[in-house]
Amino acid sequence: MKGKTIDNKRIVKDGKTIQVAGKTFELYISKEVIARRVGELSREINRDFECRTVVLLCVLKGSFIFAADLIRC
């Protein structure tokens, strides 16, 4: 399989699995399912806090990616 190297770790994707540094991980939740749920959460927040200002605070390492997706929806 073809792949790319990031930070000296070879990454190979085939759509259902990903190999990183010789370890194979199986897809558990598709990106489409995640995107759909993030959109649902965004709509719920907009509905529940319609007339108020919402402040989103990310406290977990890596959570900024989720937060950015949530804000964009």
Protein backbone atom coordinates (compact mmCIF):
# COMPACT_ATOMS: atom_id res chain seq x y z
CA MET A 1 0.00 0.00 0.00
CA LYS A 2 1.05 3.54 -0.67
CA GLY A 3 1.19 5.90 2.24
CA LYS A 4 2.80 9.01 3.60
CA THR A 5 5.21 9.65 6.44
CA ILE A 6 4.46 12.20 9.16
CA ASP A 7 6.80 12.71 12.12
CA ASN A 8 8.72 9.55 11.14
CA LYS A 9 5.50 7.49 11.31
CA ARG A 10 4.25 5.85 8.14
CA ILE A 11 0.51 6.30 7.62
CA VAL A 12 -1.41 4.05 5.23
CA LYS A 13 -5.18 4.31 4.71
CA ASP A 14 -7.42 1.92 2.77
CA GLY A 15 -10.83 3.35 3.72
CA LYS A 16 -11.64 0.90 6.52
CA THR A 17 -8.33 0.73 8.35
CA ILE A 18 -5.36 2.98 9.00
CA GLN A 19 -1.84 1.89 9.78
CA VAL A 20 0.31 4.19 11.89
CA ALA A 21 3.83 3.24 12.92
CA GLY A 22 3.15 -0.43 12.17
CA LYS A 23 -0.11 -0.61 14.15
CA THR A 24 -3.44 -1.15 12.39
CA PHE A 25 -6.62 0.57 13.52
CA GLU A 26 -10.09 -0.26 12.21
CA LEU A 27 -12.67 2.36 11.34
CA TYR A 28 -15.26 2.54 14.11
CA ILE A 29 -17.37 5.55 13.15
CA SER A 30 -17.31 6.96 9.62
CA LYS A 31 -16.56 10.62 9.01
CA GLU A 32 -20.03 11.00 7.48
CA VAL A 33 -21.71 9.79 10.68
CA ILE A 34 -19.55 12.12 12.77
CA ALA A 35 -20.27 15.09 10.48
CA ARG A 36 -24.01 14.39 10.61
CA ARG A 37 -24.01 14.27 14.42
CA VAL A 38 -21.93 17.44 14.74
CA GLY A 39 -24.48 19.17 12.50
CA GLU A 40 -27.32 17.89 14.70
CA LEU A 41 -25.57 19.17 17.83
CA SER A 42 -25.02 22.54 16.21
CA ARG A 43 -28.71 22.85 15.33
CA GLU A 44 -29.70 21.86 18.89
CA ILE A 45 -27.38 24.48 20.37
CA ASN A 46 -28.73 27.14 17.98
CA ARG A 47 -32.30 26.23 18.93
CA ASP A 48 -31.69 26.05 22.69
CA PHE A 49 -29.62 29.26 22.89
CA GLU A 50 -31.34 31.21 20.11
CA CYS A 51 -31.38 34.62 21.79
CA ARG A 52 -28.17 34.26 23.79
CA THR A 53 -24.46 34.48 23.09
CA VAL A 54 -22.71 31.11 23.31
CA VAL A 55 -19.09 30.86 24.43
CA LEU A 56 -17.36 27.62 23.47
CA LEU A 57 -14.37 26.65 25.61
CA CYS A 58 -12.19 23.70 24.54
CA VAL A 59 -10.26 22.09 27.37
CA LEU A 60 -9.13 18.73 25.96
CA LYS A 61 -6.07 18.27 23.80
CA GLY A 62 -7.27 18.00 20.23
CA SER A 63 -10.79 19.22 20.99
CA PHE A 64 -10.26 22.37 18.93
CA ILE A 65 -10.89 20.34 15.76
CA PHE A 66 -14.31 19.25 17.03
CA ALA A 67 -15.04 22.77 18.28
CA ALA A 68 -14.13 24.29 14.92
CA ASP A 69 -16.42 21.84 13.11
CA LEU A 70 -19.22 22.61 15.57
CA ILE A 71 -18.84 26.37 15.15
CA ARG A 72 -18.80 26.09 11.33
CA CYS A 73 -22.12 24.19 11.18
